[in-house]
Amino acid sequence: MATNGLPNRGRVAAVAVALAALSLAASTADGTAAARKTACSRTLRVPILMYHRINVVTAHTPSISRRLTVAPAVFARQLAWLDRHGYRTITQAQLLAALSCRRALPPKPIVLTFDDGYADVFFHASTLIARRRMHAIAYVITGRISAGDPSFLTWPLLRALERRGIEIGSHTVSHRDLTTLSDRELRTELLESRRVLERRLGHPVPWLAYPFGAHDARVVAFARGAGYRLAVTTNGGDTQDARRPLELERLRVLDSTGVKGLAAMLAAA
């Protein structure tokens, strides 16, 4: 006897094939989910270079910032070396997406960062970066923006930096060691700096650099609670852990680094 045009044995075979297909699909989905979970607990090799100032050292340069000041000509040669050796600068969004397993990175990715918000990042660094169509991020101390010290950026310069492709991140309100602050002070430094940047720039600013690189479990928890997605430290290295996106490692570039030092640092990291 037949039902729907199929003999009983044919129906059994069809059901068996359908069940096998469903089982295979479920197994594949489970395997894909497991692979995604495993991939997202990975580490990525992404060097993050830490600069401060790009300028010519003169007798008027504060002694505290002389070692942190890279000459424009030297910086230009460093960018040329990176370009020539196939390094590709990436944005914070690209790095976050890669750590979240949502996007692959280009070969030899690298991040350029500038701490403190010095005006010479606009006048010297950004022109060289834009000329090569590279990306970078400047972490600014909001209490020093347009505060009367010509060494630091102003709000118009900050917006001009963004137009040149330089992202803006928070370096807190007043550049204090966050590990020494009370909970209330810590929350203010993290939240207020982000809020004023977002209000003045008109878009989210979920990127942070800890002053002096100082952080601990409490500071990281507060940074996460304040809405930051990525945060950089001064811990040396280039291994970025997807499980610790608020504790990214960096490589420090000083006035004495030069091109050879940069090449050696990237080879050794």
C-alpha atoms as a PDB file:
ATOM      1  CA  MET A   1       0.000   0.000   0.000  1.00  0.00           C
ATOM      2  CA  ALA A   2       1.324   3.477  -0.825  1.00  0.00           C
ATOM      3  CA  THR A   3       0.823   6.860   0.780  1.00  0.00           C
ATOM      4  CA  ASN A   4       1.470  10.171  -1.093  1.00  0.00           C
ATOM      5  CA  GLY A   5       2.861   8.153  -3.966  1.00  0.00           C
ATOM      6  CA  LEU A   6       5.732   6.611  -1.931  1.00  0.00           C
ATOM      7  CA  PRO A   7       6.011   3.006  -0.793  1.00  0.00           C
ATOM      8  CA  ASN A   8       6.587   2.471   2.929  1.00  0.00           C
ATOM      9  CA  ARG A   9      10.253   1.636   2.398  1.00  0.00           C
ATOM     10  CA  GLY A  10      10.663   4.768   0.309  1.00  0.00           C
ATOM     11  CA  ARG A  11       9.123   6.884   3.044  1.00  0.00           C
ATOM     12  CA  VAL A  12      11.459   5.398   5.634  1.00  0.00           C
ATOM     13  CA  ALA A  13      14.471   6.117   3.444  1.00  0.00           C
ATOM     14  CA  ALA A  14      13.327   9.693   2.857  1.00  0.00           C
ATOM     15  CA  VAL A  15      12.841  10.293   6.574  1.00  0.00           C
ATOM     16  CA  ALA A  16      16.265   8.809   7.300  1.00  0.00           C
ATOM     17  CA  VAL A  17      17.884  11.145   4.757  1.00  0.00           C
ATOM     18  CA  ALA A  18      16.054  14.162   6.212  1.00  0.00           C
ATOM     19  CA  LEU A  19      17.106  13.270   9.759  1.00  0.00           C
ATOM     20  CA  ALA A  20      20.702  12.801   8.652  1.00  0.00           C
ATOM     21  CA  ALA A  21      20.639  16.215   6.971  1.00  0.00           C
ATOM     22  CA  LEU A  22      19.241  17.850  10.101  1.00  0.00           C
ATOM     23  CA  SER A  23      21.852  16.117  12.252  1.00  0.00           C
ATOM     24  CA  LEU A  24      24.632  17.286   9.920  1.00  0.00           C
ATOM     25  CA  ALA A  25      23.304  20.859   9.946  1.00  0.00           C
ATOM     26  CA  ALA A  26      23.112  20.884  13.746  1.00  0.00           C
ATOM     27  CA  SER A  27      26.589  19.418  14.023  1.00  0.00           C
ATOM     28  CA  THR A  28      27.955  22.014  11.586  1.00  0.00           C
ATOM     29  CA  ALA A  29      26.246  24.841  13.475  1.00  0.00           C
ATOM     30  CA  ASP A  30      27.623  23.563  16.790  1.00  0.00           C
ATOM     31  CA  GLY A  31      31.061  23.232  15.265  1.00  0.00           C
ATOM     32  CA  THR A  32      30.910  26.735  13.818  1.00  0.00           C
ATOM     33  CA  ALA A  33      29.792  28.179  17.154  1.00  0.00           C
ATOM     34  CA  ALA A  34      32.535  26.279  18.963  1.00  0.00           C
ATOM     35  CA  ALA A  35      35.120  27.449  16.443  1.00  0.00           C
ATOM     36  CA  ARG A  36      33.909  31.028  16.819  1.00  0.00           C
ATOM     37  CA  LYS A  37      34.107  30.780  20.601  1.00  0.00           C
ATOM     38  CA  THR A  38      37.618  29.338  20.386  1.00  0.00           C
ATOM     39  CA  ALA A  39      38.701  32.030  17.910  1.00  0.00           C
ATOM     40  CA  CYS A  40      37.375  34.803  20.134  1.00  0.00           C
ATOM     41  CA  SER A  41      39.525  33.652  23.016  1.00  0.00           C
ATOM     42  CA  ARG A  42      42.601  34.063  20.826  1.00  0.00           C
ATOM     43  CA  THR A  43      45.429  36.556  20.896  1.00  0.00           C
ATOM     44  CA  LEU A  44      46.445  38.751  17.995  1.00  0.00           C
ATOM     45  CA  ARG A  45      49.869  40.092  17.185  1.00  0.00           C
ATOM     46  CA  VAL A  46      49.201  43.780  16.630  1.00  0.00           C
ATOM     47  CA  PRO A  47      51.996  46.230  17.525  1.00  0.00           C
ATOM     48  CA  ILE A  48      50.638  49.452  19.023  1.00  0.00           C
ATOM     49  CA  LEU A  49      53.263  52.196  18.866  1.00  0.00           C
ATOM     50  CA  MET A  50      53.176  54.791  21.656  1.00  0.00           C
ATOM     51  CA  TYR A  51      54.280  58.298  20.689  1.00  0.00           C
ATOM     52  CA  HIS A  52      53.843  61.557  22.570  1.00  0.00           C
ATOM     53  CA  ARG A  53      55.296  64.547  20.713  1.00  0.00           C
ATOM     54  CA  ILE A  54      56.485  65.059  17.145  1.00  0.00           C
ATOM     55  CA  ASN A  55      58.588  68.201  17.201  1.00  0.00           C
ATOM     56  CA  VAL A  56      62.083  69.653  17.154  1.00  0.00           C
ATOM     57  CA  VAL A  57      63.702  69.799  20.572  1.00  0.00           C
ATOM     58  CA  THR A  58      64.846  73.310  21.469  1.00  0.00           C
ATOM     59  CA  ALA A  59      66.122  75.046  24.574  1.00  0.00           C
ATOM     60  CA  HIS A  60      62.491  75.793  25.434  1.00  0.00           C
ATOM     61  CA  THR A  61      61.371  72.161  25.313  1.00  0.00           C
ATOM     62  CA  PRO A  62      60.488  71.052  28.869  1.00  0.00           C
ATOM     63  CA  SER A  63      63.014  68.522  30.146  1.00  0.00           C
ATOM     64  CA  ILE A  64      60.214  66.170  31.125  1.00  0.00           C
ATOM     65  CA  SER A  65      59.130  65.786  27.500  1.00  0.00           C
ATOM     66  CA  ARG A  66      62.484  65.764  25.684  1.00  0.00           C
ATOM     67  CA  ARG A  67      62.832  61.969  25.646  1.00  0.00           C
ATOM     68  CA  LEU A  68      59.229  61.769  24.463  1.00  0.00           C
ATOM     69  CA  THR A  69      59.779  64.115  21.515  1.00  0.00           C
ATOM     70  CA  VAL A  70      60.525  62.545  18.130  1.00  0.00           C
ATOM     71  CA  ALA A  71      61.845  64.868  15.428  1.00  0.00           C
ATOM     72  CA  PRO A  72      59.479  65.283  12.435  1.00  0.00           C
ATOM     73  CA  ALA A  73      62.183  64.132  10.006  1.00  0.00           C
ATOM     74  CA  VAL A  74      62.767  60.975  12.055  1.00  0.00           C
ATOM     75  CA  PHE A  75      59.035  60.322  12.299  1.00  0.00           C
ATOM     76  CA  ALA A  76      58.728  60.699   8.519  1.00  0.00           C
ATOM     77  CA  ARG A  77      61.465  58.092   8.028  1.00  0.00           C
ATOM     78  CA  GLN A  78      59.759  55.741  10.483  1.00  0.00           C
ATOM     79  CA  LEU A  79      56.483  56.000   8.563  1.00  0.00           C
ATOM     80  CA  ALA A  80      58.323  55.402   5.298  1.00  0.00           C
ATOM     81  CA  TRP A  81      59.982  52.304   6.783  1.00  0.00           C
ATOM     82  CA  LEU A  82      56.626  50.937   7.976  1.00  0.00           C
ATOM     83  CA  ASP A  83      55.085  51.550   4.571  1.00  0.00           C
ATOM     84  CA  ARG A  84      58.009  50.003   2.721  1.00  0.00           C
ATOM     85  CA  HIS A  85      57.941  46.873   4.892  1.00  0.00           C
ATOM     86  CA  GLY A  86      54.250  46.228   4.377  1.00  0.00           C
ATOM     87  CA  TYR A  87      52.801  47.421   7.698  1.00  0.00           C
ATOM     88  CA  ARG A  88      49.227  48.665   7.479  1.00  0.00           C
ATOM     89  CA  THR A  89      47.859  51.056  10.061  1.00  0.00           C
ATOM     90  CA  ILE A  90      44.403  50.162  11.354  1.00  0.00           C
ATOM     91  CA  THR A  91      41.686  52.025  13.229  1.00  0.00           C
ATOM     92  CA  GLN A  92      40.339  51.301  16.696  1.00  0.00           C
ATOM     93  CA  ALA A  93      37.125  50.000  15.152  1.00  0.00           C
ATOM     94  CA  GLN A  94      39.091  47.548  13.012  1.00  0.00           C
ATOM     95  CA  LEU A  95      41.037  46.314  16.022  1.00  0.00           C
ATOM     96  CA  LEU A  96      37.870  45.935  18.095  1.00  0.00           C
ATOM     97  CA  ALA A  97      36.157  44.029  15.292  1.00  0.00           C
ATOM     98  CA  ALA A  98      39.134  41.683  14.967  1.00  0.00           C
ATOM     99  CA  LEU A  99      39.270  41.039  18.703  1.00  0.00           C
ATOM    100  CA  SER A 100      35.508  40.392  18.610  1.00  0.00           C
ATOM    101  CA  CYS A 101      35.981  37.947  15.704  1.00  0.00           C
ATOM    102  CA  ARG A 102      33.820  40.024  13.395  1.00  0.00           C
ATOM    103  CA  ARG A 103      36.477  41.014  10.867  1.00  0.00           C
ATOM    104  CA  ALA A 104      39.903  39.870   9.721  1.00  0.00           C
ATOM    105  CA  LEU A 105      42.835  42.259   9.834  1.00  0.00           C
ATOM    106  CA  PRO A 106      45.113  43.074   6.900  1.00  0.00           C
ATOM    107  CA  PRO A 107      48.594  41.518   6.853  1.00  0.00           C
ATOM    108  CA  LYS A 108      51.058  43.142   9.284  1.00  0.00           C
ATOM    109  CA  PRO A 109      48.561  45.418  11.072  1.00  0.00           C
ATOM    110  CA  ILE A 110      49.897  48.185  13.302  1.00  0.00           C
ATOM    111  CA  VAL A 111      48.392  51.005  15.381  1.00  0.00           C
ATOM    112  CA  LEU A 112      49.875  54.490  15.838  1.00  0.00           C
ATOM    113  CA  THR A 113      48.966  56.236  19.108  1.00  0.00           C
ATOM    114  CA  PHE A 114      49.784  59.661  20.533  1.00  0.00           C
ATOM    115  CA  ASP A 115      49.345  60.415  24.238  1.00  0.00           C
ATOM    116  CA  ASP A 116      48.505  63.666  26.038  1.00  0.00           C
ATOM    117  CA  GLY A 117      47.085  65.738  23.168  1.00  0.00           C
ATOM    118  CA  TYR A 118      50.021  67.940  22.196  1.00  0.00           C
ATOM    119  CA  ALA A 119      49.370  70.457  19.429  1.00  0.00           C
ATOM    120  CA  ASP A 120      52.324  69.218  17.395  1.00  0.00           C
ATOM    121  CA  VAL A 121      50.354  66.028  16.711  1.00  0.00           C
ATOM    122  CA  PHE A 122      48.271  68.235  14.419  1.00  0.00           C
ATOM    123  CA  PHE A 123      51.008  70.511  13.093  1.00  0.00           C
ATOM    124  CA  HIS A 124      53.666  67.863  12.453  1.00  0.00           C
ATOM    125  CA  ALA A 125      52.404  64.286  12.835  1.00  0.00           C
ATOM    126  CA  SER A 126      49.021  64.477  11.121  1.00  0.00           C
ATOM    127  CA  THR A 127      50.338  65.948   7.882  1.00  0.00           C
ATOM    128  CA  LEU A 128      52.846  63.114   7.499  1.00  0.00           C
ATOM    129  CA  ILE A 129      50.233  60.503   8.410  1.00  0.00           C
ATOM    130  CA  ALA A 130      47.632  61.932   6.012  1.00  0.00           C
ATOM    131  CA  ARG A 131      50.175  62.109   3.201  1.00  0.00           C
ATOM    132  CA  ARG A 132      50.608  58.344   3.408  1.00  0.00           C
ATOM    133  CA  ARG A 133      46.882  57.751   3.970  1.00  0.00           C
ATOM    134  CA  MET A 134      47.600  56.115   7.291  1.00  0.00           C
ATOM    135  CA  HIS A 135      45.511  55.999  10.462  1.00  0.00           C
ATOM    136  CA  ALA A 136      46.313  56.984  14.059  1.00  0.00           C
ATOM    137  CA  ILE A 137      44.647  57.911  17.334  1.00  0.00           C
ATOM    138  CA  ALA A 138      45.372  60.806  19.699  1.00  0.00           C
ATOM    139  CA  TYR A 139      44.468  60.331  23.368  1.00  0.00           C
ATOM    140  CA  VAL A 140      43.720  63.750  24.832  1.00  0.00           C
ATOM    141  CA  ILE A 141      43.506  65.157  28.352  1.00  0.00           C
ATOM    142  CA  THR A 142      40.228  67.040  28.180  1.00  0.00           C
ATOM    143  CA  GLY A 143      41.114  69.470  30.968  1.00  0.00           C
ATOM    144  CA  ARG A 144      43.977  70.801  28.822  1.00  0.00           C
ATOM    145  CA  ILE A 145      42.046  71.293  25.571  1.00  0.00           C
ATOM    146  CA  SER A 146      41.677  75.007  24.767  1.00  0.00           C
ATOM    147  CA  ALA A 147      42.872  75.753  28.294  1.00  0.00           C
ATOM    148  CA  GLY A 148      45.370  78.470  27.342  1.00  0.00           C
ATOM    149  CA  ASP A 149      48.537  76.372  27.012  1.00  0.00           C
ATOM    150  CA  PRO A 150      49.630  76.518  23.345  1.00  0.00           C
ATOM    151  CA  SER A 151      51.479  73.227  23.745  1.00  0.00           C
ATOM    152  CA  PHE A 152      48.141  71.409  23.742  1.00  0.00           C
ATOM    153  CA  LEU A 153      45.367  70.971  21.213  1.00  0.00           C
ATOM    154  CA  THR A 154      42.292  73.161  20.972  1.00  0.00           C
ATOM    155  CA  TRP A 155      38.783  72.044  20.075  1.00  0.00           C
ATOM    156  CA  PRO A 156      39.064  73.368  16.499  1.00  0.00           C
ATOM    157  CA  LEU A 157      42.369  71.508  16.063  1.00  0.00           C
ATOM    158  CA  LEU A 158      40.808  68.348  17.476  1.00  0.00           C
ATOM    159  CA  ARG A 159      38.061  68.481  14.869  1.00  0.00           C
ATOM    160  CA  ALA A 160      40.653  69.212  12.181  1.00  0.00           C
ATOM    161  CA  LEU A 161      42.601  66.142  13.297  1.00  0.00           C
ATOM    162  CA  GLU A 162      39.522  64.005  12.758  1.00  0.00           C
ATOM    163  CA  ARG A 163      39.132  65.404   9.265  1.00  0.00           C
ATOM    164  CA  ARG A 164      42.686  64.233   8.578  1.00  0.00           C
ATOM    165  CA  GLY A 165      41.809  60.719   9.668  1.00  0.00           C
ATOM    166  CA  ILE A 166      43.184  60.838  13.218  1.00  0.00           C
ATOM    167  CA  GLU A 167      40.827  59.290  15.763  1.00  0.00           C
ATOM    168  CA  ILE A 168      40.363  60.838  19.197  1.00  0.00           C
ATOM    169  CA  GLY A 169      40.406  58.937  22.470  1.00  0.00           C
ATOM    170  CA  SER A 170      40.271  59.843  26.146  1.00  0.00           C
ATOM    171  CA  HIS A 171      43.324  60.278  28.359  1.00  0.00           C
ATOM    172  CA  THR A 172      41.012  61.302  31.231  1.00  0.00           C
ATOM    173  CA  VAL A 173      40.223  64.788  32.524  1.00  0.00           C
ATOM    174  CA  SER A 174      43.405  65.691  34.386  1.00  0.00           C
ATOM    175  CA  HIS A 175      45.947  62.894  33.797  1.00  0.00           C
ATOM    176  CA  ARG A 176      46.037  61.539  37.337  1.00  0.00           C
ATOM    177  CA  ASP A 177      47.159  58.081  38.395  1.00  0.00           C
ATOM    178  CA  LEU A 178      43.795  56.327  38.363  1.00  0.00           C
ATOM    179  CA  THR A 179      44.887  53.604  40.787  1.00  0.00           C
ATOM    180  CA  THR A 180      45.284  56.206  43.560  1.00  0.00           C
ATOM    181  CA  LEU A 181      41.812  57.747  43.224  1.00  0.00           C
ATOM    182  CA  SER A 182      38.647  57.131  45.192  1.00  0.00           C
ATOM    183  CA  ASP A 183      35.770  55.458  43.388  1.00  0.00           C
ATOM    184  CA  ARG A 184      34.055  58.813  42.947  1.00  0.00           C
ATOM    185  CA  GLU A 185      37.171  60.521  41.559  1.00  0.00           C
ATOM    186  CA  LEU A 186      37.886  57.585  39.272  1.00  0.00           C
ATOM    187  CA  ARG A 187      34.369  57.604  37.873  1.00  0.00           C
ATOM    188  CA  THR A 188      34.592  61.357  37.224  1.00  0.00           C
ATOM    189  CA  GLU A 189      37.924  61.108  35.389  1.00  0.00           C
ATOM    190  CA  LEU A 190      36.629  58.363  33.130  1.00  0.00           C
ATOM    191  CA  LEU A 191      33.070  59.519  32.530  1.00  0.00           C
ATOM    192  CA  GLU A 192      33.503  63.281  32.276  1.00  0.00           C
ATOM    193  CA  SER A 193      36.358  63.082  29.783  1.00  0.00           C
ATOM    194  CA  ARG A 194      34.334  60.777  27.565  1.00  0.00           C
ATOM    195  CA  ARG A 195      31.174  62.851  27.859  1.00  0.00           C
ATOM    196  CA  VAL A 196      32.829  66.139  26.949  1.00  0.00           C
ATOM    197  CA  LEU A 197      34.593  64.565  23.966  1.00  0.00           C
ATOM    198  CA  GLU A 198      31.366  63.060  22.697  1.00  0.00           C
ATOM    199  CA  ARG A 199      29.468  66.307  23.202  1.00  0.00           C
ATOM    200  CA  ARG A 200      32.075  68.461  21.441  1.00  0.00           C
ATOM    201  CA  LEU A 201      32.892  66.001  18.643  1.00  0.00           C
ATOM    202  CA  GLY A 202      29.368  64.708  18.095  1.00  0.00           C
ATOM    203  CA  HIS A 203      30.023  60.967  18.098  1.00  0.00           C
ATOM    204  CA  PRO A 204      30.886  58.119  20.515  1.00  0.00           C
ATOM    205  CA  VAL A 205      34.416  58.018  21.945  1.00  0.00           C
ATOM    206  CA  PRO A 206      34.902  54.537  23.445  1.00  0.00           C
ATOM    207  CA  TRP A 207      38.726  54.547  23.358  1.00  0.00           C
ATOM    208  CA  LEU A 208      40.951  55.126  26.414  1.00  0.00           C
ATOM    209  CA  ALA A 209      44.619  55.422  27.391  1.00  0.00           C
ATOM    210  CA  TYR A 210      45.404  55.129  31.112  1.00  0.00           C
ATOM    211  CA  PRO A 211      47.540  58.038  32.413  1.00  0.00           C
ATOM    212  CA  PHE A 212      51.072  56.743  33.104  1.00  0.00           C
ATOM    213  CA  GLY A 213      49.707  53.381  32.012  1.00  0.00           C
ATOM    214  CA  ALA A 214      48.550  52.886  35.606  1.00  0.00           C
ATOM    215  CA  HIS A 215      45.684  50.437  35.968  1.00  0.00           C
ATOM    216  CA  ASP A 216      44.491  47.559  38.102  1.00  0.00           C
ATOM    217  CA  ALA A 217      41.418  45.346  38.257  1.00  0.00           C
ATOM    218  CA  ARG A 218      39.309  48.118  39.829  1.00  0.00           C
ATOM    219  CA  VAL A 219      40.332  50.696  37.217  1.00  0.00           C
ATOM    220  CA  VAL A 220      39.624  48.254  34.383  1.00  0.00           C
ATOM    221  CA  ALA A 221      36.189  47.483  35.843  1.00  0.00           C
ATOM    222  CA  PHE A 222      35.365  51.196  36.090  1.00  0.00           C
ATOM    223  CA  ALA A 223      36.598  51.781  32.531  1.00  0.00           C
ATOM    224  CA  ARG A 224      34.305  49.025  31.316  1.00  0.00           C
ATOM    225  CA  GLY A 225      31.420  50.490  33.297  1.00  0.00           C
ATOM    226  CA  ALA A 226      32.111  53.914  31.776  1.00  0.00           C
ATOM    227  CA  GLY A 227      31.525  52.467  28.328  1.00  0.00           C
ATOM    228  CA  TYR A 228      35.059  52.128  26.977  1.00  0.00           C
ATOM    229  CA  ARG A 229      35.590  49.296  24.485  1.00  0.00           C
ATOM    230  CA  LEU A 230      39.377  49.401  24.083  1.00  0.00           C
ATOM    231  CA  ALA A 231      42.052  50.788  26.409  1.00  0.00           C
ATOM    232  CA  VAL A 232      45.818  50.918  26.055  1.00  0.00           C
ATOM    233  CA  THR A 233      48.418  50.496  28.780  1.00  0.00           C
ATOM    234  CA  THR A 234      52.173  51.067  28.823  1.00  0.00           C
ATOM    235  CA  ASN A 235      52.838  47.349  29.288  1.00  0.00           C
ATOM    236  CA  GLY A 236      55.471  46.422  26.740  1.00  0.00           C
ATOM    237  CA  GLY A 237      54.567  43.975  24.013  1.00  0.00           C
ATOM    238  CA  ASP A 238      52.471  43.489  20.909  1.00  0.00           C
ATOM    239  CA  THR A 239      50.222  40.580  21.900  1.00  0.00           C
ATOM    240  CA  GLN A 240      46.624  41.738  22.201  1.00  0.00           C
ATOM    241  CA  ASP A 241      44.325  39.402  24.119  1.00  0.00           C
ATOM    242  CA  ALA A 242      40.677  39.271  23.049  1.00  0.00           C
ATOM    243  CA  ARG A 243      39.762  38.491  26.661  1.00  0.00           C
ATOM    244  CA  ARG A 244      41.411  41.702  27.878  1.00  0.00           C
ATOM    245  CA  PRO A 245      40.498  44.483  25.421  1.00  0.00           C
ATOM    246  CA  LEU A 246      40.946  47.110  28.159  1.00  0.00           C
ATOM    247  CA  GLU A 247      44.559  46.076  28.789  1.00  0.00           C
ATOM    248  CA  LEU A 248      46.220  46.372  25.392  1.00  0.00           C
ATOM    249  CA  GLU A 249      50.012  46.314  25.197  1.00  0.00           C
ATOM    250  CA  ARG A 250      52.132  48.969  23.515  1.00  0.00           C
ATOM    251  CA  LEU A 251      55.672  49.634  22.296  1.00  0.00           C
ATOM    252  CA  ARG A 252      57.207  52.928  23.413  1.00  0.00           C
ATOM    253  CA  VAL A 253      58.872  55.135  20.789  1.00  0.00           C
ATOM    254  CA  LEU A 254      61.358  57.695  22.152  1.00  0.00           C
ATOM    255  CA  ASP A 255      63.635  60.358  20.705  1.00  0.00           C
ATOM    256  CA  SER A 256      66.454  57.808  20.603  1.00  0.00           C
ATOM    257  CA  THR A 257      64.503  55.040  18.854  1.00  0.00           C
ATOM    258  CA  GLY A 258      65.035  56.095  15.254  1.00  0.00           C
ATOM    259  CA  VAL A 259      64.364  53.806  12.314  1.00  0.00           C
ATOM    260  CA  LYS A 260      66.792  51.074  13.320  1.00  0.00           C
ATOM    261  CA  GLY A 261      65.389  50.984  16.835  1.00  0.00           C
ATOM    262  CA  LEU A 262      61.849  50.767  15.501  1.00  0.00           C
ATOM    263  CA  ALA A 263      62.795  47.908  13.189  1.00  0.00           C
ATOM    264  CA  ALA A 264      64.550  46.062  16.014  1.00  0.00           C
ATOM    265  CA  MET A 265      61.619  46.625  18.359  1.00  0.00           C
ATOM    266  CA  LEU A 266      59.105  45.210  15.871  1.00  0.00           C
ATOM    267  CA  ALA A 267      61.353  42.256  15.097  1.00  0.00           C
ATOM    268  CA  ALA A 268      61.833  41.417  18.777  1.00  0.00           C
ATOM    269  CA  ALA A 269      58.278  41.981  20.014  1.00  0.00           C
END
